[in-house]
Amino acid sequence: MDEKVVLHFQSVDPVLFSAIRNSKPFTIEKSDDYFSDLVEAIICQQLSDKAGATIFGRFQKLFPKEKITPEQVLSLTDLAIRNVGSSWSKVRYIKNIAQATVDNTLNLNAIDTLTNEEIIKELTKIKGIGPWTAEMFLMFTLGREDVFSHGDLGLNRAIQNLYHFKKEPTRKQIEKISRKWSPYRTWACLLLWRTLD
């Protein structure tokens, strides 16, 4: 973890800072395969990491050299995608993203020039991409450092455990805690997920 981030957490949140000592080092990664990452996020929605990775691995094998492109997604039959383990609704969502990319309704080439809020707005116009998927895209694909996902159950559970809430904290309680972490809320999320392992 970046030293400036550690010092920030030390100064604003002793509870979160204490969790750093028990965590293995980690960093924020970036990817440049935006389309593939969005498809993977759709496939992995509401699945365990292992199940999502298995289905996405099978999906990749449908493509030459496992290079997923929107044009080739559109050339696949719905059944071919369904047969790798995706639900019918996810098949539609994957095709929606491919179509939006091909007809430039979604301009992935320019997306990194937008603010976090603008990116969420752009992505959630496409059926199948909700706020959670857009937030994961910001964190894991674009490597944005100041993103928090209120819709992530794992983060809510980690905050409940770490801050000793008897029951699941409200959005207002989580907002009060997470606001302090800015401008490094993504780092805080990665740390919180690690506390669940």
N, C-alpha and C. Protein backbone atom coordinates (compact mmCIF):
# COMPACT_ATOMS: atom_id res chain seq x y z
N MET A 1 0.85 -1.19 0.00
CA MET A 1 0.00 0.00 0.00
C MET A 1 0.89 1.24 0.00
N ASP A 2 0.49 2.22 -0.77
CA ASP A 2 1.23 3.47 -0.91
C ASP A 2 1.40 4.17 0.45
N GLU A 3 2.59 4.68 0.72
CA GLU A 3 2.91 5.30 2.02
C GLU A 3 1.98 6.49 2.33
N LYS A 4 1.68 7.30 1.31
CA LYS A 4 0.81 8.47 1.55
C LYS A 4 -0.60 8.03 1.96
N VAL A 5 -1.04 6.89 1.45
CA VAL A 5 -2.35 6.35 1.80
C VAL A 5 -2.35 5.87 3.25
N VAL A 6 -1.30 5.15 3.61
CA VAL A 6 -1.15 4.66 4.99
C VAL A 6 -1.17 5.83 5.97
N LEU A 7 -0.42 6.87 5.67
CA LEU A 7 -0.36 8.04 6.55
C LEU A 7 -1.71 8.74 6.65
N HIS A 8 -2.43 8.78 5.53
CA HIS A 8 -3.78 9.38 5.54
C HIS A 8 -4.70 8.60 6.47
N PHE A 9 -4.72 7.27 6.32
CA PHE A 9 -5.58 6.46 7.18
C PHE A 9 -5.17 6.56 8.65
N GLN A 10 -3.88 6.64 8.89
CA GLN A 10 -3.38 6.77 10.26
C GLN A 10 -3.91 8.06 10.90
N SER A 11 -3.99 9.12 10.10
CA SER A 11 -4.41 10.41 10.65
C SER A 11 -5.94 10.55 10.77
N VAL A 12 -6.70 9.84 9.91
CA VAL A 12 -8.16 10.05 9.91
C VAL A 12 -8.98 8.91 10.51
N ASP A 13 -8.40 7.69 10.58
CA ASP A 13 -9.21 6.55 11.01
C ASP A 13 -8.34 5.46 11.64
N PRO A 14 -8.17 5.51 12.97
CA PRO A 14 -7.33 4.51 13.65
C PRO A 14 -7.85 3.08 13.50
N VAL A 15 -9.17 2.91 13.35
CA VAL A 15 -9.73 1.56 13.21
C VAL A 15 -9.28 0.94 11.89
N LEU A 16 -9.44 1.68 10.80
CA LEU A 16 -9.00 1.19 9.50
C LEU A 16 -7.48 1.02 9.47
N PHE A 17 -6.79 1.97 10.06
CA PHE A 17 -5.32 1.90 10.09
C PHE A 17 -4.86 0.63 10.80
N SER A 18 -5.56 0.22 11.85
CA SER A 18 -5.16 -0.99 12.59
C SER A 18 -5.28 -2.24 11.71
N ALA A 19 -6.19 -2.20 10.73
CA ALA A 19 -6.37 -3.36 9.84
C ALA A 19 -5.21 -3.51 8.87
N ILE A 20 -4.48 -2.42 8.62
CA ILE A 20 -3.35 -2.47 7.67
C ILE A 20 -2.27 -3.42 8.18
N ARG A 21 -2.07 -3.44 9.48
CA ARG A 21 -1.01 -4.29 10.07
C ARG A 21 -1.23 -5.78 9.79
N ASN A 22 -2.50 -6.16 9.66
CA ASN A 22 -2.81 -7.58 9.42
C ASN A 22 -2.97 -7.92 7.94
N SER A 23 -2.71 -6.94 7.08
CA SER A 23 -2.93 -7.15 5.64
C SER A 23 -1.61 -7.35 4.91
N LYS A 24 -1.63 -8.24 3.94
CA LYS A 24 -0.46 -8.39 3.05
C LYS A 24 -0.41 -7.16 2.15
N PRO A 25 0.78 -6.80 1.66
CA PRO A 25 0.88 -5.63 0.76
C PRO A 25 0.02 -5.81 -0.49
N PHE A 26 -0.55 -4.74 -0.97
CA PHE A 26 -1.33 -4.78 -2.21
C PHE A 26 -1.24 -3.43 -2.89
N THR A 27 -1.67 -3.41 -4.14
CA THR A 27 -1.65 -2.16 -4.91
C THR A 27 -2.92 -2.08 -5.76
N ILE A 28 -3.18 -0.93 -6.33
CA ILE A 28 -4.32 -0.77 -7.24
C ILE A 28 -3.82 -1.01 -8.66
N GLU A 29 -4.45 -1.97 -9.32
CA GLU A 29 -4.07 -2.32 -10.69
C GLU A 29 -4.93 -1.55 -11.68
N LYS A 30 -4.41 -1.39 -12.89
CA LYS A 30 -5.20 -0.82 -13.99
C LYS A 30 -5.21 -1.80 -15.14
N SER A 31 -6.23 -1.71 -15.96
CA SER A 31 -6.34 -2.58 -17.13
C SER A 31 -6.61 -1.68 -18.34
N ASP A 32 -6.27 -2.17 -19.53
CA ASP A 32 -6.60 -1.38 -20.71
C ASP A 32 -7.58 -2.13 -21.63
N ASP A 33 -8.11 -3.25 -21.13
CA ASP A 33 -9.08 -4.01 -21.92
C ASP A 33 -10.48 -3.74 -21.37
N TYR A 34 -10.97 -2.53 -21.62
CA TYR A 34 -12.20 -2.07 -21.00
C TYR A 34 -13.41 -2.95 -21.34
N PHE A 35 -13.52 -3.31 -22.61
CA PHE A 35 -14.68 -4.10 -23.02
C PHE A 35 -14.70 -5.46 -22.33
N SER A 36 -13.58 -6.14 -22.38
CA SER A 36 -13.49 -7.47 -21.76
C SER A 36 -13.77 -7.39 -20.26
N ASP A 37 -13.27 -6.35 -19.61
CA ASP A 37 -13.49 -6.19 -18.17
C ASP A 37 -14.97 -5.98 -17.84
N LEU A 38 -15.66 -5.21 -18.68
CA LEU A 38 -17.10 -5.01 -18.46
C LEU A 38 -17.87 -6.32 -18.62
N VAL A 39 -17.50 -7.09 -19.64
CA VAL A 39 -18.15 -8.39 -19.85
C VAL A 39 -17.90 -9.31 -18.66
N GLU A 40 -16.65 -9.31 -18.19
CA GLU A 40 -16.31 -10.14 -17.02
C GLU A 40 -17.13 -9.71 -15.80
N ALA A 41 -17.28 -8.41 -15.61
CA ALA A 41 -18.07 -7.91 -14.47
C ALA A 41 -19.52 -8.38 -14.55
N ILE A 42 -20.08 -8.37 -15.77
CA ILE A 42 -21.46 -8.86 -15.96
C ILE A 42 -21.54 -10.35 -15.62
N ILE A 43 -20.60 -11.11 -16.15
CA ILE A 43 -20.61 -12.57 -15.92
C ILE A 43 -20.49 -12.87 -14.43
N CYS A 44 -19.69 -12.08 -13.71
CA CYS A 44 -19.41 -12.37 -12.30
C CYS A 44 -20.43 -11.79 -11.33
N GLN A 45 -21.41 -11.02 -11.83
CA GLN A 45 -22.43 -10.45 -10.95
C GLN A 45 -23.12 -11.55 -10.14
N GLN A 46 -23.20 -11.35 -8.83
CA GLN A 46 -23.92 -12.23 -7.91
C GLN A 46 -23.40 -13.67 -7.91
N LEU A 47 -22.12 -13.83 -8.23
CA LEU A 47 -21.50 -15.16 -8.16
C LEU A 47 -20.29 -15.10 -7.24
N SER A 48 -19.88 -16.24 -6.72
CA SER A 48 -18.63 -16.29 -5.96
C SER A 48 -17.48 -16.02 -6.93
N ASP A 49 -16.34 -15.60 -6.39
CA ASP A 49 -15.17 -15.34 -7.25
C ASP A 49 -14.82 -16.56 -8.09
N LYS A 50 -14.87 -17.73 -7.45
CA LYS A 50 -14.48 -18.97 -8.14
C LYS A 50 -15.44 -19.31 -9.28
N ALA A 51 -16.75 -19.23 -9.01
CA ALA A 51 -17.75 -19.55 -10.05
C ALA A 51 -17.64 -18.55 -11.20
N GLY A 52 -17.50 -17.27 -10.87
CA GLY A 52 -17.38 -16.23 -11.90
C GLY A 52 -16.17 -16.46 -12.78
N ALA A 53 -15.03 -16.77 -12.14
CA ALA A 53 -13.78 -16.99 -12.89
C ALA A 53 -13.91 -18.20 -13.81
N THR A 54 -14.57 -19.25 -13.34
CA THR A 54 -14.76 -20.47 -14.14
C THR A 54 -15.59 -20.17 -15.39
N ILE A 55 -16.71 -19.48 -15.21
CA ILE A 55 -17.59 -19.18 -16.35
C ILE A 55 -16.90 -18.22 -17.31
N PHE A 56 -16.21 -17.21 -16.78
CA PHE A 56 -15.52 -16.26 -17.66
C PHE A 56 -14.41 -16.96 -18.44
N GLY A 57 -13.71 -17.89 -17.80
CA GLY A 57 -12.67 -18.67 -18.49
C GLY A 57 -13.24 -19.46 -19.66
N ARG A 58 -14.41 -20.06 -19.46
CA ARG A 58 -15.07 -20.79 -20.55
C ARG A 58 -15.50 -19.84 -21.66
N PHE A 59 -15.99 -18.66 -21.27
CA PHE A 59 -16.43 -17.65 -22.23
C PHE A 59 -15.25 -17.21 -23.10
N GLN A 60 -14.10 -16.97 -22.49
CA GLN A 60 -12.91 -16.54 -23.24
C GLN A 60 -12.53 -17.53 -24.33
N LYS A 61 -12.75 -18.81 -24.04
CA LYS A 61 -12.36 -19.85 -25.00
C LYS A 61 -13.22 -19.84 -26.27
N LEU A 62 -14.30 -19.07 -26.28
CA LEU A 62 -15.13 -18.94 -27.48
C LEU A 62 -14.48 -18.03 -28.53
N PHE A 63 -13.38 -17.37 -28.16
CA PHE A 63 -12.77 -16.35 -29.02
C PHE A 63 -11.37 -16.76 -29.47
N PRO A 64 -10.99 -16.42 -30.72
CA PRO A 64 -9.63 -16.71 -31.17
C PRO A 64 -8.62 -16.04 -30.25
N LYS A 65 -7.62 -16.82 -29.80
CA LYS A 65 -6.60 -16.34 -28.86
C LYS A 65 -7.20 -15.73 -27.59
N GLU A 66 -8.46 -16.10 -27.30
CA GLU A 66 -9.18 -15.63 -26.10
C GLU A 66 -9.28 -14.11 -26.02
N LYS A 67 -9.23 -13.45 -27.19
CA LYS A 67 -9.34 -11.99 -27.26
C LYS A 67 -10.81 -11.64 -27.53
N ILE A 68 -11.48 -11.08 -26.51
CA ILE A 68 -12.91 -10.78 -26.59
C ILE A 68 -13.11 -9.41 -27.25
N THR A 69 -13.86 -9.39 -28.34
CA THR A 69 -14.17 -8.11 -29.00
C THR A 69 -15.68 -7.97 -29.13
N PRO A 70 -16.19 -6.74 -29.17
CA PRO A 70 -17.64 -6.57 -29.30
C PRO A 70 -18.19 -7.18 -30.59
N GLU A 71 -17.44 -7.04 -31.68
CA GLU A 71 -17.91 -7.59 -32.97
C GLU A 71 -18.07 -9.10 -32.89
N GLN A 72 -17.09 -9.77 -32.27
CA GLN A 72 -17.18 -11.23 -32.18
C GLN A 72 -18.25 -11.68 -31.19
N VAL A 73 -18.47 -10.89 -30.15
CA VAL A 73 -19.57 -11.21 -29.23
C VAL A 73 -20.89 -11.21 -29.99
N LEU A 74 -21.09 -10.19 -30.84
CA LEU A 74 -22.34 -10.09 -31.60
C LEU A 74 -22.49 -11.20 -32.64
N SER A 75 -21.37 -11.77 -33.06
CA SER A 75 -21.44 -12.87 -34.04
C SER A 75 -21.76 -14.21 -33.38
N LEU A 76 -21.64 -14.29 -32.07
CA LEU A 76 -21.97 -15.53 -31.35
C LEU A 76 -23.48 -15.68 -31.21
N THR A 77 -23.96 -16.91 -31.21
CA THR A 77 -25.38 -17.13 -30.91
C THR A 77 -25.59 -16.96 -29.40
N ASP A 78 -26.81 -16.61 -29.04
CA ASP A 78 -27.13 -16.50 -27.61
C ASP A 78 -26.88 -17.83 -26.90
N LEU A 79 -27.22 -18.92 -27.60
CA LEU A 79 -27.05 -20.25 -27.00
C LEU A 79 -25.59 -20.56 -26.71
N ALA A 80 -24.67 -20.15 -27.60
CA ALA A 80 -23.24 -20.40 -27.38
C ALA A 80 -22.78 -19.74 -26.09
N ILE A 81 -23.27 -18.52 -25.83
CA ILE A 81 -22.89 -17.82 -24.59
C ILE A 81 -23.58 -18.48 -23.40
N ARG A 82 -24.84 -18.84 -23.57
CA ARG A 82 -25.59 -19.51 -22.49
C ARG A 82 -24.92 -20.81 -22.09
N ASN A 83 -24.39 -21.53 -23.08
CA ASN A 83 -23.80 -22.86 -22.81
C ASN A 83 -22.51 -22.82 -21.99
N VAL A 84 -21.87 -21.66 -21.85
CA VAL A 84 -20.67 -21.60 -20.99
C VAL A 84 -21.05 -21.40 -19.53
N GLY A 85 -22.35 -21.17 -19.27
CA GLY A 85 -22.80 -21.09 -17.88
C GLY A 85 -23.44 -19.77 -17.49
N SER A 86 -23.56 -18.84 -18.44
CA SER A 86 -24.22 -17.56 -18.13
C SER A 86 -25.73 -17.71 -18.20
N SER A 87 -26.43 -16.94 -17.39
CA SER A 87 -27.90 -16.95 -17.45
C SER A 87 -28.35 -16.25 -18.74
N TRP A 88 -29.60 -16.48 -19.11
CA TRP A 88 -30.14 -15.83 -20.31
C TRP A 88 -30.12 -14.31 -20.17
N SER A 89 -30.40 -13.81 -18.96
CA SER A 89 -30.39 -12.35 -18.79
C SER A 89 -28.97 -11.80 -18.97
N LYS A 90 -27.97 -12.52 -18.49
CA LYS A 90 -26.59 -12.06 -18.67
C LYS A 90 -26.16 -12.13 -20.14
N VAL A 91 -26.68 -13.11 -20.86
CA VAL A 91 -26.41 -13.18 -22.31
C VAL A 91 -26.90 -11.89 -22.97
N ARG A 92 -28.10 -11.45 -22.62
CA ARG A 92 -28.65 -10.21 -23.18
C ARG A 92 -27.80 -9.00 -22.78
N TYR A 93 -27.37 -8.97 -21.53
CA TYR A 93 -26.58 -7.83 -21.04
C TYR A 93 -25.23 -7.75 -21.77
N ILE A 94 -24.61 -8.90 -21.97
CA ILE A 94 -23.32 -8.94 -22.69
C ILE A 94 -23.50 -8.43 -24.12
N LYS A 95 -24.58 -8.88 -24.77
CA LYS A 95 -24.86 -8.42 -26.14
C LYS A 95 -25.19 -6.92 -26.15
N ASN A 96 -25.88 -6.44 -25.11
CA ASN A 96 -26.20 -5.00 -25.00
C ASN A 96 -24.92 -4.16 -24.99
N ILE A 97 -23.93 -4.60 -24.19
CA ILE A 97 -22.66 -3.85 -24.09
C ILE A 97 -21.94 -3.89 -25.43
N ALA A 98 -21.93 -5.07 -26.06
CA ALA A 98 -21.27 -5.21 -27.37
C ALA A 98 -21.91 -4.28 -28.40
N GLN A 99 -23.24 -4.27 -28.44
CA GLN A 99 -23.95 -3.44 -29.41
C GLN A 99 -23.70 -1.95 -29.15
N ALA A 100 -23.74 -1.55 -27.89
CA ALA A 100 -23.50 -0.15 -27.52
C ALA A 100 -22.08 0.29 -27.89
N THR A 101 -21.13 -0.64 -27.78
CA THR A 101 -19.74 -0.33 -28.12
C THR A 101 -19.57 -0.22 -29.64
N VAL A 102 -20.17 -1.15 -30.38
CA VAL A 102 -20.07 -1.15 -31.84
C VAL A 102 -20.72 0.09 -32.44
N ASP A 103 -21.91 0.46 -31.94
CA ASP A 103 -22.57 1.64 -32.53
C ASP A 103 -22.17 2.95 -31.84
N ASN A 104 -21.18 2.85 -30.94
CA ASN A 104 -20.57 4.02 -30.28
C ASN A 104 -21.53 4.78 -29.36
N THR A 105 -22.60 4.11 -28.93
CA THR A 105 -23.44 4.66 -27.87
C THR A 105 -22.60 4.74 -26.60
N LEU A 106 -21.72 3.75 -26.46
CA LEU A 106 -20.75 3.72 -25.36
C LEU A 106 -19.36 3.85 -25.98
N ASN A 107 -18.70 4.98 -25.73
CA ASN A 107 -17.37 5.23 -26.30
C ASN A 107 -16.31 4.87 -25.26
N LEU A 108 -15.86 3.63 -25.31
CA LEU A 108 -14.88 3.16 -24.33
C LEU A 108 -13.51 3.81 -24.53
N ASN A 109 -13.22 4.28 -25.75
CA ASN A 109 -11.93 4.92 -26.00
C ASN A 109 -11.77 6.23 -25.24
N ALA A 110 -12.89 6.90 -24.98
CA ALA A 110 -12.82 8.21 -24.32
C ALA A 110 -13.26 8.16 -22.86
N ILE A 111 -13.61 6.97 -22.37
CA ILE A 111 -14.25 6.90 -21.05
C ILE A 111 -13.34 7.35 -19.91
N ASP A 112 -12.04 7.14 -20.06
CA ASP A 112 -11.12 7.49 -18.97
C ASP A 112 -10.92 9.00 -18.83
N THR A 113 -11.46 9.78 -19.77
CA THR A 113 -11.36 11.24 -19.67
C THR A 113 -12.49 11.82 -18.82
N LEU A 114 -13.47 10.98 -18.46
CA LEU A 114 -14.64 11.44 -17.71
C LEU A 114 -14.41 11.33 -16.20
N THR A 115 -15.23 12.07 -15.43
CA THR A 115 -15.18 11.95 -13.97
C THR A 115 -15.84 10.63 -13.56
N ASN A 116 -15.64 10.23 -12.32
CA ASN A 116 -16.28 9.01 -11.81
C ASN A 116 -17.80 9.07 -11.98
N GLU A 117 -18.38 10.19 -11.63
CA GLU A 117 -19.84 10.34 -11.71
C GLU A 117 -20.32 10.24 -13.16
N GLU A 118 -19.58 10.86 -14.08
CA GLU A 118 -19.95 10.80 -15.50
C GLU A 118 -19.84 9.37 -16.04
N ILE A 119 -18.82 8.65 -15.60
CA ILE A 119 -18.63 7.26 -16.06
C ILE A 119 -19.79 6.38 -15.56
N ILE A 120 -20.15 6.55 -14.29
CA ILE A 120 -21.27 5.77 -13.75
C ILE A 120 -22.54 6.07 -14.53
N LYS A 121 -22.77 7.34 -14.83
CA LYS A 121 -23.95 7.75 -15.59
C LYS A 121 -23.96 7.12 -16.99
N GLU A 122 -22.80 7.15 -17.67
CA GLU A 122 -22.68 6.58 -19.02
C GLU A 122 -22.92 5.07 -19.00
N LEU A 123 -22.25 4.38 -18.09
CA LEU A 123 -22.34 2.92 -18.07
C LEU A 123 -23.73 2.44 -17.67
N THR A 124 -24.34 3.11 -16.71
CA THR A 124 -25.65 2.62 -16.23
C THR A 124 -26.79 2.92 -17.20
N LYS A 125 -26.51 3.61 -18.29
CA LYS A 125 -27.51 3.78 -19.36
C LYS A 125 -27.76 2.44 -20.06
N ILE A 126 -26.79 1.53 -19.97
CA ILE A 126 -26.87 0.25 -20.67
C ILE A 126 -27.52 -0.78 -19.76
N LYS A 127 -28.57 -1.40 -20.26
CA LYS A 127 -29.28 -2.40 -19.45
C LYS A 127 -28.34 -3.55 -19.10
N GLY A 128 -28.26 -3.83 -17.81
CA GLY A 128 -27.36 -4.89 -17.35
C GLY A 128 -26.20 -4.34 -16.53
N ILE A 129 -25.93 -3.03 -16.69
CA ILE A 129 -24.88 -2.40 -15.89
C ILE A 129 -25.54 -1.50 -14.86
N GLY A 130 -25.41 -1.89 -13.60
CA GLY A 130 -25.93 -1.07 -12.51
C GLY A 130 -24.79 -0.33 -11.83
N PRO A 131 -25.10 0.42 -10.79
CA PRO A 131 -24.06 1.18 -10.09
C PRO A 131 -22.90 0.32 -9.59
N TRP A 132 -23.20 -0.88 -9.05
CA TRP A 132 -22.13 -1.73 -8.51
C TRP A 132 -21.14 -2.10 -9.61
N THR A 133 -21.63 -2.53 -10.76
CA THR A 133 -20.75 -2.91 -11.87
C THR A 133 -19.91 -1.72 -12.32
N ALA A 134 -20.55 -0.55 -12.40
CA ALA A 134 -19.82 0.66 -12.80
C ALA A 134 -18.73 1.01 -11.79
N GLU A 135 -19.04 0.84 -10.51
CA GLU A 135 -18.05 1.14 -9.46
C GLU A 135 -16.88 0.16 -9.51
N MET A 136 -17.18 -1.12 -9.77
CA MET A 136 -16.09 -2.10 -9.88
C MET A 136 -15.21 -1.77 -11.09
N PHE A 137 -15.82 -1.30 -12.17
CA PHE A 137 -15.08 -0.88 -13.36
C PHE A 137 -14.14 0.28 -13.02
N LEU A 138 -14.65 1.24 -12.28
CA LEU A 138 -13.82 2.38 -11.86
C LEU A 138 -12.63 1.92 -11.03
N MET A 139 -12.88 0.98 -10.11
CA MET A 139 -11.82 0.52 -9.21
C MET A 139 -10.81 -0.37 -9.92
N PHE A 140 -11.31 -1.42 -10.57
CA PHE A 140 -10.44 -2.50 -11.03
C PHE A 140 -9.96 -2.36 -12.47
N THR A 141 -10.66 -1.57 -13.26
CA THR A 141 -10.22 -1.38 -14.65
C THR A 141 -9.50 -0.04 -14.80
N LEU A 142 -10.13 1.03 -14.33
CA LEU A 142 -9.52 2.35 -14.49
C LEU A 142 -8.56 2.71 -13.36
N GLY A 143 -8.59 1.94 -12.27
CA GLY A 143 -7.67 2.19 -11.17
C GLY A 143 -7.92 3.52 -10.47
N ARG A 144 -9.18 3.95 -10.44
CA ARG A 144 -9.50 5.21 -9.75
C ARG A 144 -9.37 5.01 -8.24
N GLU A 145 -8.75 5.95 -7.57
CA GLU A 145 -8.38 5.76 -6.16
C GLU A 145 -9.47 6.14 -5.16
N ASP A 146 -10.50 6.87 -5.60
CA ASP A 146 -11.47 7.38 -4.63
C ASP A 146 -12.89 6.93 -4.96
N VAL A 147 -13.11 5.61 -4.89
CA VAL A 147 -14.43 5.04 -5.19
C VAL A 147 -14.88 4.19 -4.02
N PHE A 148 -16.14 4.33 -3.64
CA PHE A 148 -16.73 3.45 -2.63
C PHE A 148 -18.04 2.92 -3.17
N SER A 149 -18.32 1.65 -2.90
CA SER A 149 -19.54 1.02 -3.41
C SER A 149 -20.48 0.68 -2.26
N HIS A 150 -21.53 1.49 -2.12
CA HIS A 150 -22.52 1.22 -1.06
C HIS A 150 -23.30 -0.06 -1.31
N GLY A 151 -23.36 -0.48 -2.57
CA GLY A 151 -24.12 -1.68 -2.90
C GLY A 151 -23.37 -2.98 -2.72
N ASP A 152 -22.12 -2.90 -2.26
CA ASP A 152 -21.33 -4.12 -2.11
C ASP A 152 -21.54 -4.72 -0.71
N LEU A 153 -22.12 -5.91 -0.67
CA LEU A 153 -22.45 -6.55 0.61
C LEU A 153 -21.20 -6.88 1.42
N GLY A 154 -20.12 -7.24 0.71
CA GLY A 154 -18.87 -7.56 1.40
C GLY A 154 -18.32 -6.36 2.16
N LEU A 155 -18.36 -5.19 1.53
CA LEU A 155 -17.88 -3.97 2.20
C LEU A 155 -18.74 -3.66 3.43
N ASN A 156 -20.05 -3.79 3.27
CA ASN A 156 -20.95 -3.54 4.41
C ASN A 156 -20.65 -4.49 5.57
N ARG A 157 -20.42 -5.76 5.22
CA ARG A 157 -20.12 -6.77 6.26
C ARG A 157 -18.78 -6.48 6.93
N ALA A 158 -17.78 -6.09 6.12
CA ALA A 158 -16.45 -5.78 6.67
C ALA A 158 -16.53 -4.59 7.62
N ILE A 159 -17.30 -3.57 7.25
CA ILE A 159 -17.45 -2.39 8.13
C ILE A 159 -18.19 -2.79 9.41
N GLN A 160 -19.21 -3.62 9.27
CA GLN A 160 -19.94 -4.09 10.46
C GLN A 160 -18.99 -4.81 11.42
N ASN A 161 -18.13 -5.67 10.88
CA ASN A 161 -17.18 -6.42 11.72
C ASN A 161 -16.13 -5.51 12.34
N LEU A 162 -15.51 -4.68 11.51
CA LEU A 162 -14.37 -3.88 11.93
C LEU A 162 -14.76 -2.79 12.94
N TYR A 163 -15.95 -2.22 12.73
CA TYR A 163 -16.40 -1.12 13.59
C TYR A 163 -17.39 -1.58 14.66
N HIS A 164 -17.54 -2.91 14.78
CA HIS A 164 -18.33 -3.53 15.86
C HIS A 164 -19.78 -3.05 15.92
N PHE A 165 -20.43 -2.99 14.74
CA PHE A 165 -21.87 -2.74 14.73
C PHE A 165 -22.58 -4.04 15.07
N LYS A 166 -23.60 -3.97 15.94
CA LYS A 166 -24.35 -5.18 16.31
C LYS A 166 -25.17 -5.70 15.12
N LYS A 167 -25.72 -4.77 14.33
CA LYS A 167 -26.44 -5.17 13.13
C LYS A 167 -25.87 -4.41 11.94
N GLU A 168 -26.34 -4.75 10.75
CA GLU A 168 -25.79 -4.13 9.54
C GLU A 168 -25.91 -2.61 9.62
N PRO A 169 -24.80 -1.89 9.39
CA PRO A 169 -24.85 -0.43 9.47
C PRO A 169 -25.72 0.17 8.36
N THR A 170 -26.31 1.31 8.67
CA THR A 170 -27.13 2.00 7.67
C THR A 170 -26.22 2.70 6.66
N ARG A 171 -26.81 3.08 5.55
CA ARG A 171 -26.05 3.83 4.54
C ARG A 171 -25.47 5.11 5.15
N LYS A 172 -26.26 5.77 5.99
CA LYS A 172 -25.81 7.02 6.63
C LYS A 172 -24.59 6.76 7.52
N GLN A 173 -24.62 5.68 8.28
CA GLN A 173 -23.48 5.34 9.14
C GLN A 173 -22.23 5.03 8.31
N ILE A 174 -22.44 4.28 7.22
CA ILE A 174 -21.32 3.93 6.34
C ILE A 174 -20.76 5.18 5.67
N GLU A 175 -21.65 6.06 5.25
CA GLU A 175 -21.24 7.31 4.61
C GLU A 175 -20.36 8.14 5.55
N LYS A 176 -20.76 8.19 6.82
CA LYS A 176 -20.00 8.97 7.82
C LYS A 176 -18.59 8.41 7.99
N ILE A 177 -18.48 7.08 8.00
CA ILE A 177 -17.17 6.43 8.15
C ILE A 177 -16.34 6.59 6.88
N SER A 178 -16.94 6.28 5.74
CA SER A 178 -16.17 6.24 4.48
C SER A 178 -15.76 7.61 3.97
N ARG A 179 -16.50 8.64 4.35
CA ARG A 179 -16.18 10.00 3.91
C ARG A 179 -14.76 10.40 4.33
N LYS A 180 -14.36 9.93 5.52
CA LYS A 180 -13.02 10.26 6.05
C LYS A 180 -11.90 9.70 5.18
N TRP A 181 -12.18 8.62 4.48
CA TRP A 181 -11.12 7.95 3.71
C TRP A 181 -10.75 8.67 2.42
N SER A 182 -11.65 9.54 1.95
CA SER A 182 -11.39 10.26 0.70
C SER A 182 -10.10 11.08 0.84
N PRO A 183 -9.24 11.13 -0.17
CA PRO A 183 -9.40 10.71 -1.57
C PRO A 183 -8.87 9.30 -1.88
N TYR A 184 -8.91 8.39 -0.88
CA TYR A 184 -8.34 7.05 -1.07
C TYR A 184 -9.36 5.95 -0.73
N ARG A 185 -10.62 6.17 -1.08
CA ARG A 185 -11.63 5.19 -0.69
C ARG A 185 -11.47 3.84 -1.38
N THR A 186 -10.92 3.82 -2.58
CA THR A 186 -10.69 2.52 -3.24
C THR A 186 -9.70 1.69 -2.43
N TRP A 187 -8.64 2.33 -1.95
CA TRP A 187 -7.66 1.63 -1.11
C TRP A 187 -8.36 1.06 0.13
N ALA A 188 -9.25 1.85 0.72
CA ALA A 188 -9.98 1.38 1.90
C ALA A 188 -10.83 0.16 1.56
N CYS A 189 -11.50 0.19 0.39
CA CYS A 189 -12.32 -0.96 -0.03
C CYS A 189 -11.47 -2.21 -0.18
N LEU A 190 -10.31 -2.09 -0.83
CA LEU A 190 -9.44 -3.25 -1.01
C LEU A 190 -9.00 -3.81 0.34
N LEU A 191 -8.73 -2.92 1.27
CA LEU A 191 -8.33 -3.35 2.61
C LEU A 191 -9.50 -4.02 3.33
N LEU A 192 -10.68 -3.44 3.21
CA LEU A 192 -11.87 -4.04 3.86
C LEU A 192 -12.16 -5.43 3.32
N TRP A 193 -12.11 -5.61 2.01
CA TRP A 193 -12.33 -6.94 1.44
C TRP A 193 -11.32 -7.94 2.00
N ARG A 194 -10.08 -7.51 2.18
CA ARG A 194 -9.06 -8.41 2.72
C ARG A 194 -9.35 -8.83 4.15
N THR A 195 -10.03 -7.98 4.91
CA THR A 195 -10.36 -8.37 6.30
C THR A 195 -11.37 -9.51 6.34
N LEU A 196 -12.07 -9.76 5.23
CA LEU A 196 -13.05 -10.84 5.19
C LEU A 196 -12.41 -12.20 4.91
N ASP A 197 -11.17 -12.19 4.39
CA ASP A 197 -10.52 -13.47 4.04
C ASP A 197 -10.09 -14.22 5.28
